[in-house]
């Protein structure tokens, strides 16, 4: 969870809370997967432009999604961690 939160913290630092808010409000794993896919795509674009960004491993993202299938409140925890790391 920490790795995914660290990646999303990049957006929180820039006060671009869209991905963090959408993840916190995701009610199912499908929505969470879509949000994380979009966020990771943006992070990869930043990295391709030479910026130093944290990108979690695919396995780490899958763990978060699997946990969210059992308990969707996990997504709120990840979003909260991202906000805390971004400040």
N, C-alpha and C. Protein backbone atom coordinates (compact mmCIF):
# COMPACT_ATOMS: atom_id res chain seq x y z
N UNK A 1 0.83 -1.20 0.00
CA UNK A 1 0.00 0.00 0.00
C UNK A 1 0.87 1.25 0.00
N UNK A 2 1.97 1.18 0.73
CA UNK A 2 2.82 2.36 0.84
C UNK A 2 3.42 2.77 -0.50
N UNK A 3 3.77 1.80 -1.31
CA UNK A 3 4.37 2.09 -2.61
C UNK A 3 3.40 2.81 -3.54
N UNK A 4 2.16 2.36 -3.55
CA UNK A 4 1.13 2.99 -4.37
C UNK A 4 0.84 4.39 -3.84
N UNK A 5 0.76 4.52 -2.53
CA UNK A 5 0.53 5.84 -1.93
C UNK A 5 1.67 6.79 -2.26
N UNK A 6 2.88 6.28 -2.23
CA UNK A 6 4.05 7.13 -2.55
C UNK A 6 3.95 7.67 -3.98
N UNK A 7 3.50 6.83 -4.89
CA UNK A 7 3.34 7.27 -6.28
C UNK A 7 2.27 8.35 -6.39
N UNK A 8 1.15 8.13 -5.72
CA UNK A 8 0.06 9.11 -5.77
C UNK A 8 0.41 10.40 -5.04
N UNK A 9 1.35 10.32 -4.12
CA UNK A 9 1.77 11.51 -3.39
C UNK A 9 2.34 12.57 -4.33
N UNK A 10 2.86 12.13 -5.45
CA UNK A 10 3.38 13.08 -6.45
C UNK A 10 2.28 14.06 -6.86
N UNK A 11 1.09 13.53 -7.09
CA UNK A 11 -0.02 14.39 -7.49
C UNK A 11 -0.48 15.28 -6.33
N UNK A 12 -0.46 14.74 -5.12
CA UNK A 12 -0.85 15.53 -3.95
C UNK A 12 0.12 16.69 -3.74
N UNK A 13 1.41 16.44 -3.97
CA UNK A 13 2.40 17.51 -3.82
C UNK A 13 2.13 18.66 -4.78
N UNK A 14 1.62 18.31 -5.95
CA UNK A 14 1.33 19.33 -6.97
C UNK A 14 -0.09 19.89 -6.84
N UNK A 15 -0.78 19.47 -5.78
CA UNK A 15 -2.17 19.87 -5.54
C UNK A 15 -3.10 19.49 -6.68
N UNK A 16 -2.77 18.37 -7.30
CA UNK A 16 -3.61 17.78 -8.35
C UNK A 16 -4.25 16.55 -7.72
N UNK A 17 -5.35 16.76 -7.03
CA UNK A 17 -5.93 15.72 -6.19
C UNK A 17 -6.90 14.78 -6.90
N UNK A 18 -7.06 14.91 -8.19
CA UNK A 18 -8.04 14.13 -8.93
C UNK A 18 -7.91 12.63 -8.73
N UNK A 19 -6.71 12.09 -8.95
CA UNK A 19 -6.53 10.65 -8.80
C UNK A 19 -6.72 10.20 -7.35
N UNK A 20 -6.20 10.98 -6.43
CA UNK A 20 -6.31 10.62 -5.01
C UNK A 20 -7.78 10.61 -4.59
N UNK A 21 -8.51 11.64 -4.97
CA UNK A 21 -9.93 11.71 -4.62
C UNK A 21 -10.73 10.59 -5.28
N UNK A 22 -10.46 10.33 -6.55
CA UNK A 22 -11.20 9.28 -7.25
C UNK A 22 -10.92 7.91 -6.64
N UNK A 23 -9.68 7.68 -6.22
CA UNK A 23 -9.35 6.40 -5.60
C UNK A 23 -10.06 6.28 -4.24
N UNK A 24 -10.04 7.34 -3.48
CA UNK A 24 -10.70 7.31 -2.17
C UNK A 24 -12.20 7.05 -2.30
N UNK A 25 -12.79 7.49 -3.39
CA UNK A 25 -14.23 7.33 -3.59
C UNK A 25 -14.61 6.15 -4.47
N UNK A 26 -13.63 5.34 -4.86
CA UNK A 26 -13.92 4.17 -5.69
C UNK A 26 -14.70 3.14 -4.87
N UNK A 27 -15.80 2.68 -5.42
CA UNK A 27 -16.64 1.74 -4.69
C UNK A 27 -16.44 0.30 -5.14
N UNK A 28 -15.61 0.10 -6.15
CA UNK A 28 -15.34 -1.27 -6.58
C UNK A 28 -13.94 -1.36 -7.18
N UNK A 29 -13.40 -2.55 -7.23
CA UNK A 29 -12.04 -2.74 -7.75
C UNK A 29 -11.88 -2.31 -9.21
N UNK A 30 -12.93 -2.41 -9.98
CA UNK A 30 -12.85 -2.00 -11.38
C UNK A 30 -12.57 -0.51 -11.51
N UNK A 31 -13.25 0.28 -10.73
CA UNK A 31 -13.02 1.73 -10.73
C UNK A 31 -11.63 2.04 -10.21
N UNK A 32 -11.22 1.36 -9.16
CA UNK A 32 -9.88 1.57 -8.60
C UNK A 32 -8.82 1.22 -9.63
N UNK A 33 -9.02 0.13 -10.37
CA UNK A 33 -8.06 -0.27 -11.40
C UNK A 33 -7.95 0.80 -12.48
N UNK A 34 -9.08 1.35 -12.88
CA UNK A 34 -9.08 2.40 -13.90
C UNK A 34 -8.33 3.64 -13.42
N UNK A 35 -8.59 4.05 -12.19
CA UNK A 35 -7.93 5.23 -11.62
C UNK A 35 -6.42 5.01 -11.55
N UNK A 36 -6.02 3.86 -11.05
CA UNK A 36 -4.59 3.58 -10.92
C UNK A 36 -3.91 3.46 -12.28
N UNK A 37 -4.60 2.89 -13.25
CA UNK A 37 -4.04 2.79 -14.61
C UNK A 37 -3.78 4.18 -15.18
N UNK A 38 -4.73 5.07 -15.02
CA UNK A 38 -4.57 6.44 -15.53
C UNK A 38 -3.45 7.17 -14.80
N UNK A 39 -3.39 7.01 -13.49
CA UNK A 39 -2.35 7.68 -12.70
C UNK A 39 -0.96 7.16 -13.09
N UNK A 40 -0.85 5.85 -13.24
CA UNK A 40 0.44 5.28 -13.63
C UNK A 40 0.87 5.72 -15.02
N UNK A 41 -0.09 5.85 -15.90
CA UNK A 41 0.22 6.33 -17.25
C UNK A 41 0.78 7.75 -17.19
N UNK A 42 0.18 8.60 -16.38
CA UNK A 42 0.68 9.97 -16.23
C UNK A 42 2.08 9.99 -15.58
N UNK A 43 2.28 9.13 -14.60
CA UNK A 43 3.60 9.06 -13.96
C UNK A 43 4.67 8.59 -14.94
N UNK A 44 4.33 7.62 -15.77
CA UNK A 44 5.29 7.14 -16.77
C UNK A 44 5.61 8.24 -17.79
N UNK A 45 4.61 9.03 -18.14
CA UNK A 45 4.85 10.15 -19.05
C UNK A 45 5.81 11.16 -18.43
N UNK A 46 5.62 11.44 -17.15
CA UNK A 46 6.54 12.34 -16.45
C UNK A 46 7.95 11.78 -16.45
N UNK A 47 8.07 10.49 -16.17
CA UNK A 47 9.39 9.86 -16.16
C UNK A 47 10.03 9.92 -17.56
N UNK A 48 9.23 9.69 -18.60
CA UNK A 48 9.75 9.75 -19.96
C UNK A 48 10.25 11.13 -20.34
N UNK A 49 9.71 12.15 -19.66
CA UNK A 49 10.16 13.53 -19.90
C UNK A 49 11.35 13.90 -19.02
N UNK A 50 11.86 12.92 -18.29
CA UNK A 50 13.06 13.15 -17.51
C UNK A 50 12.85 13.49 -16.06
N UNK A 51 11.62 13.49 -15.60
CA UNK A 51 11.37 13.81 -14.20
C UNK A 51 11.59 12.57 -13.32
N UNK A 52 12.00 12.81 -12.11
CA UNK A 52 12.24 11.74 -11.16
C UNK A 52 10.93 11.43 -10.43
N UNK A 53 10.29 10.34 -10.79
CA UNK A 53 9.02 9.96 -10.17
C UNK A 53 9.08 8.52 -9.69
N UNK A 54 8.35 8.24 -8.65
CA UNK A 54 8.24 6.88 -8.12
C UNK A 54 7.12 6.17 -8.85
N UNK A 55 7.42 4.99 -9.36
CA UNK A 55 6.40 4.16 -10.00
C UNK A 55 6.42 2.80 -9.30
N UNK A 56 5.29 2.41 -8.71
CA UNK A 56 5.26 1.13 -8.01
C UNK A 56 5.32 -0.03 -9.01
N UNK A 57 5.76 -1.17 -8.52
CA UNK A 57 5.80 -2.38 -9.34
C UNK A 57 4.38 -2.86 -9.56
N UNK A 58 4.18 -3.56 -10.66
CA UNK A 58 2.85 -4.09 -10.99
C UNK A 58 2.31 -4.97 -9.87
N UNK A 59 3.19 -5.73 -9.25
CA UNK A 59 2.77 -6.62 -8.16
C UNK A 59 2.24 -5.83 -6.97
N UNK A 60 2.84 -4.68 -6.72
CA UNK A 60 2.40 -3.85 -5.60
C UNK A 60 1.01 -3.26 -5.87
N UNK A 61 0.78 -2.89 -7.10
CA UNK A 61 -0.55 -2.36 -7.47
C UNK A 61 -1.59 -3.48 -7.36
N UNK A 62 -1.23 -4.66 -7.82
CA UNK A 62 -2.16 -5.79 -7.76
C UNK A 62 -2.52 -6.14 -6.32
N UNK A 63 -1.56 -6.04 -5.41
CA UNK A 63 -1.84 -6.32 -4.00
C UNK A 63 -2.90 -5.35 -3.47
N UNK A 64 -2.76 -4.08 -3.80
CA UNK A 64 -3.74 -3.08 -3.36
C UNK A 64 -5.11 -3.41 -3.94
N UNK A 65 -5.15 -3.77 -5.21
CA UNK A 65 -6.44 -4.10 -5.84
C UNK A 65 -7.05 -5.36 -5.24
N UNK A 66 -6.23 -6.34 -4.95
CA UNK A 66 -6.75 -7.56 -4.32
C UNK A 66 -7.29 -7.26 -2.92
N UNK A 67 -6.56 -6.45 -2.18
CA UNK A 67 -7.04 -6.08 -0.84
C UNK A 67 -8.35 -5.31 -0.93
N UNK A 68 -8.47 -4.46 -1.95
CA UNK A 68 -9.70 -3.66 -2.09
C UNK A 68 -10.91 -4.52 -2.44
N UNK A 69 -10.66 -5.67 -3.05
CA UNK A 69 -11.78 -6.58 -3.33
C UNK A 69 -12.38 -7.11 -2.04
N UNK A 70 -11.53 -7.34 -1.05
CA UNK A 70 -12.00 -7.83 0.25
C UNK A 70 -12.55 -6.71 1.12
N UNK A 71 -11.91 -5.54 1.02
CA UNK A 71 -12.32 -4.41 1.87
C UNK A 71 -12.05 -3.10 1.12
N UNK A 72 -13.08 -2.52 0.50
CA UNK A 72 -12.90 -1.29 -0.28
C UNK A 72 -12.36 -0.11 0.53
N UNK A 73 -12.46 -0.15 1.85
CA UNK A 73 -11.95 0.96 2.66
C UNK A 73 -10.42 1.05 2.58
N UNK A 74 -9.77 0.02 2.09
CA UNK A 74 -8.32 0.04 1.89
C UNK A 74 -7.95 1.18 0.95
N UNK A 75 -8.81 1.46 0.00
CA UNK A 75 -8.53 2.53 -0.97
C UNK A 75 -8.49 3.89 -0.29
N UNK A 76 -9.33 4.08 0.71
CA UNK A 76 -9.30 5.34 1.47
C UNK A 76 -8.00 5.46 2.27
N UNK A 77 -7.51 4.34 2.75
CA UNK A 77 -6.24 4.35 3.49
C UNK A 77 -5.10 4.73 2.56
N UNK A 78 -5.07 4.14 1.37
CA UNK A 78 -4.02 4.47 0.38
C UNK A 78 -4.09 5.95 0.01
N UNK A 79 -5.30 6.45 -0.21
CA UNK A 79 -5.46 7.87 -0.56
C UNK A 79 -5.02 8.78 0.59
N UNK A 80 -5.35 8.40 1.81
CA UNK A 80 -4.95 9.19 2.98
C UNK A 80 -3.43 9.20 3.13
N UNK A 81 -2.81 8.06 2.91
CA UNK A 81 -1.34 8.00 2.97
C UNK A 81 -0.73 8.90 1.90
N UNK A 82 -1.31 8.87 0.71
CA UNK A 82 -0.79 9.71 -0.38
C UNK A 82 -0.86 11.20 -0.01
N UNK A 83 -1.97 11.59 0.58
CA UNK A 83 -2.11 12.99 1.00
C UNK A 83 -1.09 13.34 2.07
N UNK A 84 -0.91 12.43 3.03
CA UNK A 84 0.05 12.68 4.10
C UNK A 84 1.49 12.78 3.55
N UNK A 85 1.81 11.93 2.62
CA UNK A 85 3.15 11.95 2.03
C UNK A 85 3.36 13.17 1.13
N UNK A 86 2.26 13.67 0.59
CA UNK A 86 2.36 14.79 -0.34
C UNK A 86 2.48 16.14 0.33
N UNK A 87 2.32 16.20 1.63
CA UNK A 87 2.38 17.50 2.32
C UNK A 87 3.73 17.80 2.81
